[in-house]
Amino acid sequence: MARDGEYICFIEVKYRSSDSHGSPAEAVSDLKIEKLQELARFYISSKNLNNTDIRFDVVSVMRDRISLIKNAFGI
């Protein structure tokens, strides 16, 4: 988790040494997204941050190339 201005950002980091199995970002499955969303709801509720803007980002690492995908999916 991180902050970016008014946003609380939940960040998934994926690494691949090659693209033979797709890009790192493609490895964020629907099940993983559901789990991240559930954890984010729990965190927001437990910290009483219900009126805070949140965002889900993905950091994609391929060898020495790093990409940030802001707002990769919603809640």
N, C-alpha and C. Protein backbone atom coordinates (compact mmCIF):
# COMPACT_ATOMS: atom_id res chain seq x y z
N MET A 1 0.83 -1.16 0.00
CA MET A 1 0.00 0.00 0.00
C MET A 1 0.89 1.24 0.00
N ALA A 2 0.41 2.26 -0.67
CA ALA A 2 1.14 3.53 -0.75
C ALA A 2 0.13 4.66 -0.90
N ARG A 3 0.60 5.86 -0.79
CA ARG A 3 -0.25 7.03 -1.03
C ARG A 3 0.27 7.76 -2.27
N ASP A 4 -0.67 8.28 -3.04
CA ASP A 4 -0.35 9.12 -4.18
C ASP A 4 -1.36 10.27 -4.14
N GLY A 5 -0.96 11.37 -3.55
CA GLY A 5 -1.88 12.48 -3.36
C GLY A 5 -3.00 12.06 -2.42
N GLU A 6 -4.23 12.17 -2.88
CA GLU A 6 -5.39 11.81 -2.06
C GLU A 6 -5.71 10.32 -2.11
N TYR A 7 -5.04 9.58 -2.98
CA TYR A 7 -5.33 8.15 -3.16
C TYR A 7 -4.54 7.28 -2.21
N ILE A 8 -5.21 6.23 -1.72
CA ILE A 8 -4.51 5.10 -1.12
C ILE A 8 -4.39 4.09 -2.24
N CYS A 9 -3.17 3.67 -2.53
CA CYS A 9 -2.91 2.76 -3.65
C CYS A 9 -2.53 1.38 -3.13
N PHE A 10 -3.23 0.39 -3.63
CA PHE A 10 -2.89 -0.99 -3.37
C PHE A 10 -2.14 -1.47 -4.60
N ILE A 11 -0.95 -2.01 -4.39
CA ILE A 11 -0.05 -2.28 -5.51
C ILE A 11 0.32 -3.75 -5.57
N GLU A 12 0.12 -4.34 -6.73
CA GLU A 12 0.53 -5.71 -6.98
C GLU A 12 1.78 -5.65 -7.86
N VAL A 13 2.83 -6.33 -7.44
CA VAL A 13 4.09 -6.35 -8.19
C VAL A 13 4.27 -7.74 -8.79
N LYS A 14 4.50 -7.78 -10.10
CA LYS A 14 4.71 -9.05 -10.80
C LYS A 14 6.02 -8.98 -11.58
N TYR A 15 6.79 -10.08 -11.52
CA TYR A 15 8.08 -10.17 -12.19
C TYR A 15 8.08 -11.35 -13.16
N ARG A 16 8.71 -11.16 -14.28
CA ARG A 16 8.95 -12.24 -15.25
C ARG A 16 10.37 -12.07 -15.78
N SER A 17 11.07 -13.18 -15.93
CA SER A 17 12.41 -13.12 -16.50
C SER A 17 12.37 -13.16 -18.02
N SER A 18 11.22 -13.61 -18.57
CA SER A 18 11.03 -13.60 -20.02
C SER A 18 9.54 -13.45 -20.30
N ASP A 19 9.21 -13.19 -21.56
CA ASP A 19 7.81 -13.04 -21.91
C ASP A 19 7.21 -14.32 -22.51
N SER A 20 7.88 -15.45 -22.30
CA SER A 20 7.40 -16.71 -22.86
C SER A 20 6.04 -17.14 -22.27
N HIS A 21 5.71 -16.65 -21.10
CA HIS A 21 4.41 -16.96 -20.48
C HIS A 21 3.55 -15.71 -20.37
N GLY A 22 3.82 -14.72 -21.19
CA GLY A 22 3.06 -13.48 -21.15
C GLY A 22 3.75 -12.42 -20.31
N SER A 23 3.16 -11.26 -20.30
CA SER A 23 3.74 -10.15 -19.55
C SER A 23 3.44 -10.32 -18.06
N PRO A 24 4.22 -9.67 -17.22
CA PRO A 24 3.94 -9.76 -15.78
C PRO A 24 2.52 -9.27 -15.43
N ALA A 25 2.08 -8.21 -16.07
CA ALA A 25 0.75 -7.68 -15.77
C ALA A 25 -0.36 -8.67 -16.11
N GLU A 26 -0.13 -9.48 -17.15
CA GLU A 26 -1.12 -10.49 -17.53
C GLU A 26 -1.25 -11.59 -16.48
N ALA A 27 -0.29 -11.67 -15.58
CA ALA A 27 -0.32 -12.71 -14.54
C ALA A 27 -1.21 -12.34 -13.36
N VAL A 28 -1.78 -11.16 -13.38
CA VAL A 28 -2.71 -10.77 -12.32
C VAL A 28 -4.08 -11.34 -12.71
N SER A 29 -4.40 -12.47 -12.11
CA SER A 29 -5.61 -13.21 -12.47
C SER A 29 -6.86 -12.58 -11.85
N ASP A 30 -8.01 -13.00 -12.34
CA ASP A 30 -9.27 -12.54 -11.78
C ASP A 30 -9.38 -12.90 -10.30
N LEU A 31 -8.91 -14.08 -9.93
CA LEU A 31 -8.94 -14.50 -8.54
C LEU A 31 -8.06 -13.59 -7.68
N LYS A 32 -6.88 -13.24 -8.19
CA LYS A 32 -5.99 -12.34 -7.46
C LYS A 32 -6.63 -10.97 -7.30
N ILE A 33 -7.29 -10.48 -8.34
CA ILE A 33 -7.97 -9.19 -8.27
C ILE A 33 -9.06 -9.22 -7.20
N GLU A 34 -9.84 -10.30 -7.17
CA GLU A 34 -10.89 -10.43 -6.16
C GLU A 34 -10.31 -10.41 -4.76
N LYS A 35 -9.21 -11.11 -4.54
CA LYS A 35 -8.58 -11.15 -3.22
C LYS A 35 -8.04 -9.77 -2.82
N LEU A 36 -7.42 -9.07 -3.77
CA LEU A 36 -6.91 -7.73 -3.49
C LEU A 36 -8.04 -6.77 -3.15
N GLN A 37 -9.14 -6.87 -3.87
CA GLN A 37 -10.29 -6.00 -3.61
C GLN A 37 -10.87 -6.29 -2.22
N GLU A 38 -10.96 -7.56 -1.87
CA GLU A 38 -11.47 -7.95 -0.55
C GLU A 38 -10.56 -7.42 0.56
N LEU A 39 -9.26 -7.57 0.38
CA LEU A 39 -8.31 -7.06 1.37
C LEU A 39 -8.38 -5.54 1.48
N ALA A 40 -8.54 -4.87 0.35
CA ALA A 40 -8.64 -3.41 0.36
C ALA A 40 -9.89 -2.97 1.12
N ARG A 41 -11.03 -3.63 0.87
CA ARG A 41 -12.26 -3.29 1.59
C ARG A 41 -12.08 -3.48 3.10
N PHE A 42 -11.43 -4.59 3.49
CA PHE A 42 -11.18 -4.85 4.90
C PHE A 42 -10.29 -3.76 5.49
N TYR A 43 -9.20 -3.42 4.81
CA TYR A 43 -8.27 -2.41 5.30
C TYR A 43 -8.96 -1.06 5.46
N ILE A 44 -9.69 -0.64 4.44
CA ILE A 44 -10.38 0.64 4.46
C ILE A 44 -11.39 0.69 5.62
N SER A 45 -12.13 -0.39 5.78
CA SER A 45 -13.12 -0.46 6.86
C SER A 45 -12.45 -0.45 8.23
N SER A 46 -11.39 -1.24 8.40
CA SER A 46 -10.75 -1.36 9.71
C SER A 46 -10.04 -0.07 10.12
N LYS A 47 -9.63 0.74 9.16
CA LYS A 47 -8.95 2.01 9.45
C LYS A 47 -9.91 3.20 9.39
N ASN A 48 -11.22 2.90 9.19
CA ASN A 48 -12.25 3.94 9.11
C ASN A 48 -11.90 4.99 8.05
N LEU A 49 -11.52 4.52 6.88
CA LEU A 49 -11.14 5.40 5.76
C LEU A 49 -12.18 5.32 4.64
N ASN A 50 -13.44 5.15 5.01
CA ASN A 50 -14.50 4.87 4.04
C ASN A 50 -14.70 5.95 2.99
N ASN A 51 -14.31 7.17 3.24
CA ASN A 51 -14.48 8.25 2.26
C ASN A 51 -13.19 8.57 1.52
N THR A 52 -12.23 7.67 1.59
CA THR A 52 -10.94 7.87 0.95
C THR A 52 -10.95 7.25 -0.45
N ASP A 53 -10.38 7.96 -1.41
CA ASP A 53 -10.26 7.42 -2.77
C ASP A 53 -9.17 6.35 -2.77
N ILE A 54 -9.47 5.22 -3.40
CA ILE A 54 -8.46 4.16 -3.50
C ILE A 54 -8.22 3.82 -4.97
N ARG A 55 -7.07 3.21 -5.19
CA ARG A 55 -6.67 2.85 -6.55
C ARG A 55 -5.88 1.56 -6.48
N PHE A 56 -6.02 0.73 -7.51
CA PHE A 56 -5.24 -0.50 -7.62
C PHE A 56 -4.26 -0.34 -8.77
N ASP A 57 -2.98 -0.44 -8.45
CA ASP A 57 -1.93 -0.32 -9.45
C ASP A 57 -1.22 -1.67 -9.60
N VAL A 58 -0.59 -1.85 -10.74
CA VAL A 58 0.24 -3.02 -10.98
C VAL A 58 1.62 -2.53 -11.41
N VAL A 59 2.65 -3.04 -10.74
CA VAL A 59 4.03 -2.79 -11.16
C VAL A 59 4.48 -4.04 -11.90
N SER A 60 4.88 -3.86 -13.13
CA SER A 60 5.29 -4.95 -14.00
C SER A 60 6.81 -4.88 -14.18
N VAL A 61 7.50 -5.96 -13.81
CA VAL A 61 8.96 -5.99 -13.92
C VAL A 61 9.33 -7.11 -14.88
N MET A 62 10.02 -6.74 -15.97
CA MET A 62 10.49 -7.70 -16.96
C MET A 62 11.97 -7.47 -17.14
N ARG A 63 12.75 -8.37 -16.56
CA ARG A 63 14.20 -8.21 -16.52
C ARG A 63 14.56 -6.86 -15.92
N ASP A 64 15.03 -5.91 -16.70
CA ASP A 64 15.41 -4.59 -16.16
C ASP A 64 14.43 -3.49 -16.56
N ARG A 65 13.26 -3.87 -17.06
CA ARG A 65 12.24 -2.90 -17.47
C ARG A 65 11.11 -2.89 -16.43
N ILE A 66 10.82 -1.74 -15.86
CA ILE A 66 9.79 -1.61 -14.85
C ILE A 66 8.71 -0.66 -15.37
N SER A 67 7.45 -1.11 -15.28
CA SER A 67 6.32 -0.30 -15.73
C SER A 67 5.30 -0.21 -14.61
N LEU A 68 4.71 0.95 -14.46
CA LEU A 68 3.64 1.16 -13.50
C LEU A 68 2.33 1.35 -14.27
N ILE A 69 1.36 0.53 -13.95
CA ILE A 69 0.03 0.65 -14.55
C ILE A 69 -0.89 1.19 -13.44
N LYS A 70 -1.17 2.49 -13.51
CA LYS A 70 -2.04 3.11 -12.52
C LYS A 70 -3.50 2.74 -12.83
N ASN A 71 -4.25 2.55 -11.77
CA ASN A 71 -5.68 2.24 -11.89
C ASN A 71 -5.91 1.04 -12.81
N ALA A 72 -5.17 -0.03 -12.56
CA ALA A 72 -5.22 -1.22 -13.41
C ALA A 72 -6.58 -1.90 -13.37
N PHE A 73 -7.27 -1.80 -12.24
CA PHE A 73 -8.62 -2.34 -12.11
C PHE A 73 -9.30 -1.62 -10.96
N GLY A 74 -10.62 -1.71 -10.91
CA GLY A 74 -11.40 -1.01 -9.89
C GLY A 74 -11.87 -1.94 -8.78
N ILE A 75 -12.63 -1.36 -7.89
CA ILE A 75 -13.16 -2.16 -6.77
C ILE A 75 -14.59 -2.54 -7.02
